Amino acid sequence: MKQEPAISRDLEYQALRKFIRLIEASESGSLAESMAVALEEELTPRQRQVVHMYYIDQMLMRDIAETLGVNVSTVSRTIARGRARLKRCLRYGGRALMDSMEL
């Protein structure tokens, strides 16, 4: 089984945050729009909401939990599951998206 290189949590956070912002700022007809559709299909509505609050709005898990009326552990699990799906999405097209856009 192929071992993936270790990446720091901070670098992972920054990469996912940049990826989400690129998709949200995408123009129609672009590779970014295709990735946005894939992202829409990969994440559940709740995962999209929580991932956006965490990565884009930069809310603390405690504040997200309070806003949504759920337990902090629920927020943590939702972010972890969304992050795993985003990583898969990044692996299969995020690099091409980021290479195609000016940063």
N, C-alpha and C. Protein backbone atom coordinates (compact mmCIF):
# COMPACT_ATOMS: atom_id res chain seq x y z
N MET A 1 0.85 -1.18 0.00
CA MET A 1 0.00 0.00 0.00
C MET A 1 0.89 1.24 0.00
N LYS A 2 0.60 2.17 -0.89
CA LYS A 2 1.40 3.38 -1.02
C LYS A 2 1.13 4.34 0.14
N GLN A 3 2.18 4.79 0.78
CA GLN A 3 2.07 5.73 1.90
C GLN A 3 2.09 7.15 1.36
N GLU A 4 1.12 7.97 1.76
CA GLU A 4 1.08 9.36 1.33
C GLU A 4 2.01 10.19 2.23
N PRO A 5 2.65 11.22 1.67
CA PRO A 5 3.53 12.04 2.49
C PRO A 5 2.76 12.77 3.57
N ALA A 6 3.39 12.94 4.71
CA ALA A 6 2.75 13.64 5.82
C ALA A 6 2.69 15.14 5.48
N ILE A 7 1.59 15.75 5.86
CA ILE A 7 1.41 17.19 5.65
C ILE A 7 0.95 17.79 6.97
N SER A 8 1.49 18.95 7.28
CA SER A 8 1.11 19.56 8.55
C SER A 8 -0.35 19.99 8.50
N ARG A 9 -0.97 20.00 9.66
CA ARG A 9 -2.37 20.39 9.74
C ARG A 9 -2.57 21.82 9.26
N ASP A 10 -1.60 22.69 9.54
CA ASP A 10 -1.72 24.08 9.12
C ASP A 10 -1.69 24.19 7.60
N LEU A 11 -0.77 23.46 6.95
CA LEU A 11 -0.71 23.48 5.49
C LEU A 11 -1.98 22.89 4.88
N GLU A 12 -2.47 21.83 5.49
CA GLU A 12 -3.71 21.21 5.01
C GLU A 12 -4.87 22.20 5.13
N TYR A 13 -4.96 22.86 6.26
CA TYR A 13 -6.02 23.85 6.50
C TYR A 13 -5.95 24.95 5.43
N GLN A 14 -4.76 25.49 5.21
CA GLN A 14 -4.60 26.56 4.24
C GLN A 14 -4.95 26.10 2.82
N ALA A 15 -4.53 24.89 2.46
CA ALA A 15 -4.82 24.36 1.12
C ALA A 15 -6.32 24.17 0.92
N LEU A 16 -6.99 23.59 1.90
CA LEU A 16 -8.43 23.37 1.79
C LEU A 16 -9.18 24.70 1.75
N ARG A 17 -8.75 25.64 2.54
CA ARG A 17 -9.38 26.96 2.57
C ARG A 17 -9.25 27.64 1.21
N LYS A 18 -8.04 27.60 0.64
CA LYS A 18 -7.80 28.21 -0.67
C LYS A 18 -8.63 27.50 -1.74
N PHE A 19 -8.70 26.19 -1.67
CA PHE A 19 -9.46 25.40 -2.62
C PHE A 19 -10.94 25.78 -2.59
N ILE A 20 -11.51 25.89 -1.42
CA ILE A 20 -12.93 26.26 -1.28
C ILE A 20 -13.16 27.66 -1.82
N ARG A 21 -12.27 28.58 -1.51
CA ARG A 21 -12.42 29.95 -2.01
C ARG A 21 -12.35 30.00 -3.53
N LEU A 22 -11.42 29.24 -4.11
CA LEU A 22 -11.30 29.23 -5.57
C LEU A 22 -12.58 28.72 -6.21
N ILE A 23 -13.14 27.68 -5.64
CA ILE A 23 -14.37 27.12 -6.19
C ILE A 23 -15.52 28.11 -6.06
N GLU A 24 -15.62 28.76 -4.90
CA GLU A 24 -16.72 29.71 -4.69
C GLU A 24 -16.60 30.93 -5.59
N ALA A 25 -15.38 31.28 -6.00
CA ALA A 25 -15.16 32.45 -6.86
C ALA A 25 -15.12 32.08 -8.34
N SER A 26 -15.41 30.83 -8.67
CA SER A 26 -15.25 30.36 -10.04
C SER A 26 -16.23 31.03 -11.00
N GLU A 27 -15.80 31.09 -12.26
CA GLU A 27 -16.66 31.61 -13.32
C GLU A 27 -17.30 30.43 -14.03
N SER A 28 -18.45 30.66 -14.62
CA SER A 28 -19.14 29.57 -15.30
C SER A 28 -18.33 29.09 -16.50
N GLY A 29 -18.45 27.78 -16.76
CA GLY A 29 -17.76 27.18 -17.89
C GLY A 29 -16.31 26.81 -17.62
N SER A 30 -15.82 27.12 -16.48
CA SER A 30 -14.42 26.85 -16.18
C SER A 30 -14.24 25.51 -15.48
N LEU A 31 -12.98 25.12 -15.36
CA LEU A 31 -12.64 23.91 -14.61
C LEU A 31 -13.13 24.05 -13.18
N ALA A 32 -13.05 25.27 -12.64
CA ALA A 32 -13.50 25.50 -11.27
C ALA A 32 -14.99 25.18 -11.11
N GLU A 33 -15.78 25.48 -12.15
CA GLU A 33 -17.21 25.16 -12.07
C GLU A 33 -17.41 23.65 -12.03
N SER A 34 -16.63 22.92 -12.82
CA SER A 34 -16.71 21.46 -12.78
C SER A 34 -16.34 20.94 -11.40
N MET A 35 -15.33 21.54 -10.80
CA MET A 35 -14.92 21.13 -9.46
C MET A 35 -15.99 21.48 -8.44
N ALA A 36 -16.67 22.61 -8.64
CA ALA A 36 -17.74 23.01 -7.72
C ALA A 36 -18.87 21.98 -7.76
N VAL A 37 -19.18 21.49 -8.95
CA VAL A 37 -20.22 20.46 -9.09
C VAL A 37 -19.78 19.20 -8.37
N ALA A 38 -18.51 18.82 -8.57
CA ALA A 38 -17.99 17.63 -7.88
C ALA A 38 -18.04 17.82 -6.37
N LEU A 39 -17.68 19.00 -5.92
CA LEU A 39 -17.69 19.29 -4.49
C LEU A 39 -19.12 19.23 -3.95
N GLU A 40 -20.05 19.75 -4.72
CA GLU A 40 -21.46 19.73 -4.34
C GLU A 40 -21.94 18.28 -4.17
N GLU A 41 -21.46 17.41 -5.05
CA GLU A 41 -21.87 16.01 -4.99
C GLU A 41 -21.14 15.25 -3.89
N GLU A 42 -19.94 15.67 -3.54
CA GLU A 42 -19.13 14.97 -2.55
C GLU A 42 -19.60 15.23 -1.12
N LEU A 43 -19.96 16.48 -0.83
CA LEU A 43 -20.32 16.84 0.53
C LEU A 43 -21.83 16.87 0.72
N THR A 44 -22.25 16.45 1.90
CA THR A 44 -23.67 16.58 2.24
C THR A 44 -23.96 18.06 2.50
N PRO A 45 -25.23 18.47 2.47
CA PRO A 45 -25.54 19.87 2.78
C PRO A 45 -24.98 20.32 4.14
N ARG A 46 -25.08 19.46 5.14
CA ARG A 46 -24.56 19.82 6.47
C ARG A 46 -23.04 19.95 6.44
N GLN A 47 -22.37 19.04 5.74
CA GLN A 47 -20.92 19.12 5.64
C GLN A 47 -20.51 20.40 4.93
N ARG A 48 -21.19 20.76 3.85
CA ARG A 48 -20.87 22.01 3.15
C ARG A 48 -21.03 23.19 4.08
N GLN A 49 -22.11 23.21 4.84
CA GLN A 49 -22.37 24.31 5.76
C GLN A 49 -21.28 24.42 6.82
N VAL A 50 -20.97 23.30 7.46
CA VAL A 50 -20.00 23.31 8.55
C VAL A 50 -18.59 23.57 8.03
N VAL A 51 -18.23 22.97 6.90
CA VAL A 51 -16.91 23.19 6.32
C VAL A 51 -16.74 24.66 5.93
N HIS A 52 -17.79 25.26 5.37
CA HIS A 52 -17.72 26.68 5.02
C HIS A 52 -17.54 27.54 6.29
N MET A 53 -18.31 27.24 7.31
CA MET A 53 -18.21 28.01 8.56
C MET A 53 -16.81 27.89 9.16
N TYR A 54 -16.23 26.70 9.08
CA TYR A 54 -14.94 26.45 9.70
C TYR A 54 -13.79 27.02 8.87
N TYR A 55 -13.76 26.71 7.58
CA TYR A 55 -12.62 27.12 6.75
C TYR A 55 -12.73 28.53 6.19
N ILE A 56 -13.91 28.95 5.78
CA ILE A 56 -14.05 30.26 5.16
C ILE A 56 -14.39 31.34 6.19
N ASP A 57 -15.40 31.07 7.02
CA ASP A 57 -15.78 32.05 8.04
C ASP A 57 -14.82 32.01 9.23
N GLN A 58 -14.00 30.99 9.30
CA GLN A 58 -13.00 30.79 10.35
C GLN A 58 -13.61 30.82 11.75
N MET A 59 -14.75 30.17 11.87
CA MET A 59 -15.40 30.07 13.17
C MET A 59 -14.78 28.93 13.97
N LEU A 60 -14.78 29.07 15.27
CA LEU A 60 -14.33 27.99 16.14
C LEU A 60 -15.40 26.90 16.18
N MET A 61 -14.97 25.68 16.40
CA MET A 61 -15.92 24.56 16.47
C MET A 61 -16.98 24.82 17.53
N ARG A 62 -16.56 25.39 18.64
CA ARG A 62 -17.50 25.69 19.73
C ARG A 62 -18.58 26.66 19.25
N ASP A 63 -18.19 27.67 18.48
CA ASP A 63 -19.15 28.66 17.98
C ASP A 63 -20.07 28.06 16.91
N ILE A 64 -19.52 27.19 16.08
CA ILE A 64 -20.34 26.51 15.07
C ILE A 64 -21.40 25.66 15.77
N ALA A 65 -20.95 24.91 16.77
CA ALA A 65 -21.87 24.04 17.52
C ALA A 65 -22.99 24.86 18.15
N GLU A 66 -22.64 25.98 18.73
CA GLU A 66 -23.63 26.84 19.36
C GLU A 66 -24.61 27.41 18.33
N THR A 67 -24.09 27.85 17.20
CA THR A 67 -24.93 28.41 16.14
C THR A 67 -25.91 27.39 15.60
N LEU A 68 -25.43 26.15 15.42
CA LEU A 68 -26.27 25.10 14.83
C LEU A 68 -27.07 24.32 15.86
N GLY A 69 -26.78 24.54 17.15
CA GLY A 69 -27.49 23.84 18.20
C GLY A 69 -27.14 22.36 18.28
N VAL A 70 -25.87 22.06 18.02
CA VAL A 70 -25.40 20.67 18.09
C VAL A 70 -24.21 20.60 19.04
N ASN A 71 -23.77 19.39 19.30
CA ASN A 71 -22.63 19.14 20.15
C ASN A 71 -21.32 19.46 19.41
N VAL A 72 -20.31 19.89 20.14
CA VAL A 72 -19.00 20.18 19.53
C VAL A 72 -18.43 18.93 18.87
N SER A 73 -18.66 17.76 19.47
CA SER A 73 -18.15 16.53 18.87
C SER A 73 -18.82 16.25 17.53
N THR A 74 -20.06 16.64 17.38
CA THR A 74 -20.76 16.49 16.10
C THR A 74 -20.12 17.37 15.04
N VAL A 75 -19.79 18.60 15.42
CA VAL A 75 -19.11 19.52 14.51
C VAL A 75 -17.75 18.95 14.11
N SER A 76 -17.01 18.47 15.08
CA SER A 76 -15.69 17.91 14.82
C SER A 76 -15.76 16.73 13.84
N ARG A 77 -16.70 15.83 14.06
CA ARG A 77 -16.86 14.67 13.17
C ARG A 77 -17.29 15.11 11.77
N THR A 78 -18.17 16.09 11.70
CA THR A 78 -18.65 16.58 10.41
C THR A 78 -17.51 17.22 9.63
N ILE A 79 -16.68 17.99 10.29
CA ILE A 79 -15.52 18.61 9.65
C ILE A 79 -14.55 17.53 9.18
N ALA A 80 -14.30 16.55 10.02
CA ALA A 80 -13.37 15.47 9.66
C ALA A 80 -13.86 14.71 8.43
N ARG A 81 -15.14 14.40 8.39
CA ARG A 81 -15.70 13.68 7.24
C ARG A 81 -15.67 14.56 5.98
N GLY A 82 -16.01 15.83 6.13
CA GLY A 82 -15.95 16.76 5.00
C GLY A 82 -14.53 16.94 4.51
N ARG A 83 -13.60 17.04 5.44
CA ARG A 83 -12.18 17.19 5.08
C ARG A 83 -11.70 15.97 4.28
N ALA A 84 -12.09 14.78 4.71
CA ALA A 84 -11.70 13.56 3.99
C ALA A 84 -12.24 13.58 2.56
N ARG A 85 -13.47 14.02 2.41
CA ARG A 85 -14.06 14.09 1.07
C ARG A 85 -13.41 15.19 0.24
N LEU A 86 -13.09 16.32 0.86
CA LEU A 86 -12.40 17.39 0.14
C LEU A 86 -11.01 16.96 -0.30
N LYS A 87 -10.34 16.21 0.54
CA LYS A 87 -9.01 15.72 0.18
C LYS A 87 -9.10 14.83 -1.06
N ARG A 88 -10.13 14.01 -1.11
CA ARG A 88 -10.33 13.15 -2.28
C ARG A 88 -10.59 14.01 -3.50
N CYS A 89 -11.41 15.04 -3.34
CA CYS A 89 -11.72 15.95 -4.44
C CYS A 89 -10.45 16.68 -4.89
N LEU A 90 -9.65 17.13 -3.95
CA LEU A 90 -8.37 17.78 -4.27
C LEU A 90 -7.46 16.83 -5.02
N ARG A 91 -7.39 15.61 -4.57
CA ARG A 91 -6.50 14.62 -5.16
C ARG A 91 -6.85 14.39 -6.62
N TYR A 92 -8.14 14.42 -6.96
CA TYR A 92 -8.56 14.09 -8.31
C TYR A 92 -8.82 15.29 -9.21
N GLY A 93 -8.50 16.47 -8.79
CA GLY A 93 -8.70 17.59 -9.70
C GLY A 93 -8.32 18.94 -9.15
N GLY A 94 -8.11 19.03 -7.87
CA GLY A 94 -7.77 20.31 -7.26
C GLY A 94 -6.46 20.88 -7.74
N ARG A 95 -5.50 20.03 -7.97
CA ARG A 95 -4.20 20.51 -8.43
C ARG A 95 -4.34 21.16 -9.80
N ALA A 96 -5.10 20.54 -10.70
CA ALA A 96 -5.33 21.12 -12.03
C ALA A 96 -6.07 22.45 -11.91
N LEU A 97 -7.04 22.50 -11.01
CA LEU A 97 -7.78 23.75 -10.79
C LEU A 97 -6.85 24.84 -10.32
N MET A 98 -6.04 24.57 -9.33
CA MET A 98 -5.16 25.59 -8.78
C MET A 98 -4.11 26.01 -9.80
N ASP A 99 -3.64 25.08 -10.64
CA ASP A 99 -2.66 25.42 -11.66
C ASP A 99 -3.27 26.28 -12.76
N SER A 100 -4.58 26.12 -12.99
CA SER A 100 -5.24 26.85 -14.07
C SER A 100 -5.65 28.27 -13.69
N MET A 101 -5.57 28.60 -12.41
CA MET A 101 -6.03 29.91 -11.96
C MET A 101 -4.86 30.71 -11.40
N GLU A 102 -4.92 32.02 -11.56
CA GLU A 102 -3.91 32.87 -10.94
C GLU A 102 -4.21 33.01 -9.47
N LEU A 103 -3.19 32.81 -8.65
CA LEU A 103 -3.39 32.92 -7.20
C LEU A 103 -2.81 34.21 -6.69
